[in-house]
N, C-alpha and C. Protein backbone atom coordinates (compact mmCIF):
# COMPACT_ATOMS: atom_id res chain seq x y z
N UNK A 1 -27.12 284.01 -80.86
CA UNK A 1 -28.36 283.84 -81.10
C UNK A 1 -29.20 285.01 -80.94
N UNK A 2 -30.07 285.51 -81.62
CA UNK A 2 -30.80 286.75 -81.36
C UNK A 2 -31.69 286.38 -79.95
N UNK A 3 -31.68 287.68 -79.44
CA UNK A 3 -32.63 287.56 -78.10
C UNK A 3 -34.10 287.29 -78.33
N UNK A 4 -34.61 287.59 -79.50
CA UNK A 4 -36.14 287.51 -79.85
C UNK A 4 -36.23 285.96 -79.89
N UNK A 5 -35.28 285.35 -80.68
CA UNK A 5 -35.55 283.72 -80.80
C UNK A 5 -35.12 283.04 -79.39
N UNK A 6 -34.43 283.76 -78.39
CA UNK A 6 -34.22 283.08 -77.23
C UNK A 6 -35.57 283.31 -76.45
N UNK A 7 -36.13 284.34 -76.58
CA UNK A 7 -37.36 284.71 -75.63
C UNK A 7 -38.55 283.69 -76.38
N UNK A 8 -38.65 283.42 -77.69
CA UNK A 8 -39.65 282.47 -78.20
C UNK A 8 -39.28 281.16 -77.80
N UNK A 9 -38.03 280.87 -77.72
CA UNK A 9 -37.66 279.38 -77.08
C UNK A 9 -38.05 279.29 -75.69
N UNK A 10 -37.85 280.35 -74.88
CA UNK A 10 -38.30 280.33 -73.34
C UNK A 10 -39.62 280.17 -73.24
N UNK A 11 -40.43 280.84 -73.99
CA UNK A 11 -41.90 280.70 -73.91
C UNK A 11 -42.36 279.45 -74.25
N UNK A 12 -41.48 279.04 -75.24
CA UNK A 12 -42.29 277.56 -75.43
C UNK A 12 -41.99 276.64 -74.68
N UNK A 13 -40.96 276.95 -73.92
CA UNK A 13 -40.50 275.87 -72.92
C UNK A 13 -41.26 276.12 -71.51
N UNK A 14 -41.65 277.29 -71.35
CA UNK A 14 -42.30 277.64 -70.17
C UNK A 14 -43.74 277.05 -70.50
N UNK A 15 -44.21 276.98 -71.57
CA UNK A 15 -45.78 276.69 -71.82
C UNK A 15 -45.74 274.82 -71.51
N UNK A 16 -44.55 274.19 -71.72
CA UNK A 16 -44.49 272.77 -71.30
C UNK A 16 -44.85 272.44 -69.89
N UNK A 17 -44.75 273.51 -69.02
CA UNK A 17 -45.20 273.33 -67.49
C UNK A 17 -46.28 272.85 -67.41
N UNK A 18 -47.21 273.16 -68.32
CA UNK A 18 -48.82 272.56 -68.43
C UNK A 18 -48.84 271.28 -68.34
N UNK A 19 -47.90 270.70 -69.26
CA UNK A 19 -47.89 269.26 -69.32
C UNK A 19 -47.51 268.73 -68.00
N UNK A 20 -46.75 268.98 -67.33
CA UNK A 20 -46.35 268.44 -66.04
C UNK A 20 -47.37 268.51 -65.06
N UNK A 21 -48.19 269.63 -65.08
CA UNK A 21 -49.27 269.91 -64.25
C UNK A 21 -50.38 269.04 -64.50
N UNK A 22 -50.53 268.73 -65.74
CA UNK A 22 -51.74 267.73 -66.27
C UNK A 22 -51.33 266.43 -65.84
N UNK A 23 -50.10 266.10 -65.91
CA UNK A 23 -49.77 264.59 -65.45
C UNK A 23 -49.95 264.50 -64.15
N UNK A 24 -49.57 265.50 -63.35
CA UNK A 24 -49.61 265.52 -61.75
C UNK A 24 -51.07 265.37 -61.31
N UNK A 25 -51.92 266.14 -61.90
CA UNK A 25 -53.31 266.07 -61.54
C UNK A 25 -54.18 264.84 -62.15
N UNK A 26 -53.67 264.12 -63.12
CA UNK A 26 -54.13 262.82 -63.44
C UNK A 26 -53.57 261.94 -62.48
N UNK A 27 -52.49 261.87 -62.11
CA UNK A 27 -52.00 260.80 -60.99
C UNK A 27 -52.57 261.13 -59.65
N UNK A 28 -52.87 262.39 -59.34
CA UNK A 28 -53.51 262.69 -57.93
C UNK A 28 -55.00 262.06 -58.08
N UNK A 29 -55.65 262.42 -59.19
CA UNK A 29 -56.87 261.92 -59.37
C UNK A 29 -57.17 260.37 -59.40
N UNK A 30 -56.09 259.80 -60.11
CA UNK A 30 -56.04 258.26 -59.93
C UNK A 30 -55.77 257.61 -58.57
N UNK A 31 -54.96 258.46 -57.97
CA UNK A 31 -54.72 258.10 -56.48
C UNK A 31 -55.78 258.09 -55.59
N UNK A 32 -56.50 259.16 -55.64
CA UNK A 32 -57.71 259.52 -55.11
C UNK A 32 -59.04 258.46 -55.20
N UNK A 33 -58.98 258.10 -56.40
CA UNK A 33 -60.03 257.18 -56.99
C UNK A 33 -59.85 255.87 -56.34
N UNK A 34 -58.49 255.33 -56.31
CA UNK A 34 -58.10 254.04 -55.73
C UNK A 34 -58.51 254.29 -54.21
N UNK A 35 -58.12 255.08 -53.48
CA UNK A 35 -58.34 255.37 -52.38
C UNK A 35 -59.64 255.34 -51.65
N UNK A 36 -60.38 256.07 -52.50
CA UNK A 36 -61.87 255.99 -52.12
C UNK A 36 -62.59 254.57 -52.44
N UNK A 37 -62.07 253.97 -53.40
CA UNK A 37 -62.44 252.53 -53.72
C UNK A 37 -62.04 251.46 -52.87
N UNK A 38 -61.17 251.75 -52.03
CA UNK A 38 -60.55 250.82 -50.81
C UNK A 38 -61.22 251.10 -49.99
N UNK A 39 -61.41 252.58 -49.44
CA UNK A 39 -62.11 252.85 -48.13
C UNK A 39 -62.96 253.87 -48.50
N UNK A 40 -64.31 253.71 -48.62
CA UNK A 40 -65.34 254.74 -49.24
C UNK A 40 -65.60 255.63 -47.93
N UNK A 41 -65.49 255.14 -46.71
CA UNK A 41 -65.70 256.10 -45.70
C UNK A 41 -64.59 257.16 -45.37
N UNK A 42 -63.72 257.01 -46.06
CA UNK A 42 -62.51 257.96 -45.76
C UNK A 42 -62.58 259.16 -46.87
N UNK A 43 -63.58 259.23 -47.71
CA UNK A 43 -63.68 260.06 -48.76
C UNK A 43 -63.70 261.70 -48.28
N UNK A 44 -64.70 261.84 -47.07
CA UNK A 44 -64.57 263.14 -46.51
C UNK A 44 -63.25 263.69 -46.08
N UNK A 45 -62.28 262.70 -45.82
CA UNK A 45 -60.98 263.29 -45.34
C UNK A 45 -59.86 263.65 -46.43
N UNK A 46 -60.13 262.76 -47.53
CA UNK A 46 -59.30 262.81 -48.78
C UNK A 46 -59.55 263.93 -49.63
N UNK A 47 -60.78 264.36 -49.76
CA UNK A 47 -61.31 265.24 -50.72
C UNK A 47 -60.66 266.73 -50.47
N UNK A 48 -60.52 267.29 -49.34
CA UNK A 48 -59.93 268.61 -49.15
C UNK A 48 -58.33 268.48 -49.42
N UNK A 49 -57.82 267.44 -49.07
CA UNK A 49 -56.31 267.12 -49.18
C UNK A 49 -56.00 267.05 -51.05
N UNK A 50 -56.92 266.47 -51.63
CA UNK A 50 -57.04 266.39 -53.08
C UNK A 50 -56.99 267.69 -53.64
N UNK A 51 -57.83 268.44 -53.20
CA UNK A 51 -58.08 269.90 -53.75
C UNK A 51 -56.73 270.62 -53.61
N UNK A 52 -56.10 270.69 -52.57
CA UNK A 52 -54.82 271.28 -52.05
C UNK A 52 -53.65 270.67 -53.13
N UNK A 53 -53.64 269.53 -53.30
CA UNK A 53 -52.65 269.08 -54.23
C UNK A 53 -53.01 269.57 -55.76
N UNK A 54 -54.25 269.58 -56.08
CA UNK A 54 -54.64 269.99 -57.45
C UNK A 54 -54.07 271.39 -57.52
N UNK A 55 -54.49 272.38 -56.53
CA UNK A 55 -54.17 273.67 -56.61
C UNK A 55 -52.56 273.81 -56.75
N UNK A 56 -51.77 273.21 -56.00
CA UNK A 56 -50.49 273.30 -56.23
C UNK A 56 -49.80 272.87 -57.47
N UNK A 57 -50.68 271.79 -57.99
CA UNK A 57 -50.07 271.37 -59.37
C UNK A 57 -50.59 272.29 -60.27
N UNK A 58 -51.68 272.67 -60.24
CA UNK A 58 -52.18 273.79 -61.15
C UNK A 58 -51.33 275.16 -61.07
N UNK A 59 -50.93 275.55 -59.89
CA UNK A 59 -50.29 276.93 -59.86
C UNK A 59 -48.82 276.80 -60.80
N UNK A 60 -48.28 275.67 -60.85
CA UNK A 60 -47.08 275.48 -61.64
C UNK A 60 -47.39 275.81 -63.00
N UNK A 61 -48.58 275.43 -63.62
CA UNK A 61 -48.96 275.66 -65.02
C UNK A 61 -49.26 277.04 -65.22
N UNK A 62 -49.95 277.85 -64.05
CA UNK A 62 -50.27 279.10 -64.29
C UNK A 62 -48.69 279.98 -64.05
N UNK A 63 -47.73 279.50 -63.35
CA UNK A 63 -46.51 280.18 -63.53
C UNK A 63 -45.86 280.20 -64.63
N UNK A 64 -45.92 278.94 -65.23
CA UNK A 64 -45.39 279.03 -66.55
C UNK A 64 -46.23 279.74 -67.78
N UNK A 65 -47.37 279.58 -67.64
CA UNK A 65 -48.14 280.34 -68.51
C UNK A 65 -47.82 281.89 -68.38
N UNK A 66 -47.56 282.47 -67.19
CA UNK A 66 -47.53 284.00 -67.07
C UNK A 66 -46.08 284.16 -67.51
N UNK A 67 -45.12 283.27 -67.18
CA UNK A 67 -43.62 283.41 -67.75
C UNK A 67 -43.70 283.57 -69.19
N UNK A 68 -44.46 282.58 -69.80
CA UNK A 68 -44.50 282.45 -71.44
C UNK A 68 -45.18 283.92 -71.73
N UNK A 69 -46.16 284.24 -71.21
CA UNK A 69 -46.73 285.67 -71.64
C UNK A 69 -45.70 286.70 -71.53
N UNK A 70 -45.00 286.84 -70.47
CA UNK A 70 -44.04 287.87 -70.31
C UNK A 70 -43.06 287.90 -71.38
N UNK A 71 -42.58 286.67 -71.66
CA UNK A 71 -41.54 286.54 -72.66
C UNK A 71 -41.91 286.87 -74.01
N UNK A 72 -43.36 286.49 -74.30
CA UNK A 72 -44.01 286.75 -75.73
C UNK A 72 -44.05 288.25 -75.63
N UNK A 73 -44.25 288.99 -74.69
CA UNK A 73 -44.32 290.43 -74.55
C UNK A 73 -43.15 291.07 -74.99
N UNK A 74 -41.83 290.32 -74.67
CA UNK A 74 -40.52 290.93 -74.93
C UNK A 74 -40.28 290.66 -76.66
N UNK A 75 -40.85 289.92 -77.33
CA UNK A 75 -40.61 289.90 -78.69
C UNK A 75 -40.92 291.22 -79.56
N UNK A 76 -39.83 291.47 -80.40
CA UNK A 76 -40.46 292.63 -81.25
C UNK A 76 -41.62 292.70 -82.20
């Protein structure tokens, strides 16, 4: 197989990491809303941890995006 085809295939696979990040953020948001609905007084304690989780989930998507850009840059 040609290296350009492999680079394009790798870039496509790397972009799929955004799908996983989206699902992860959706699950985290759902969990946060359920926790706040059960115990509204704990909202102040949960929000900072929610943002930490969102940042970690979003970083995987950003890494995948950067890898995809690097692989596309290798295409002739």
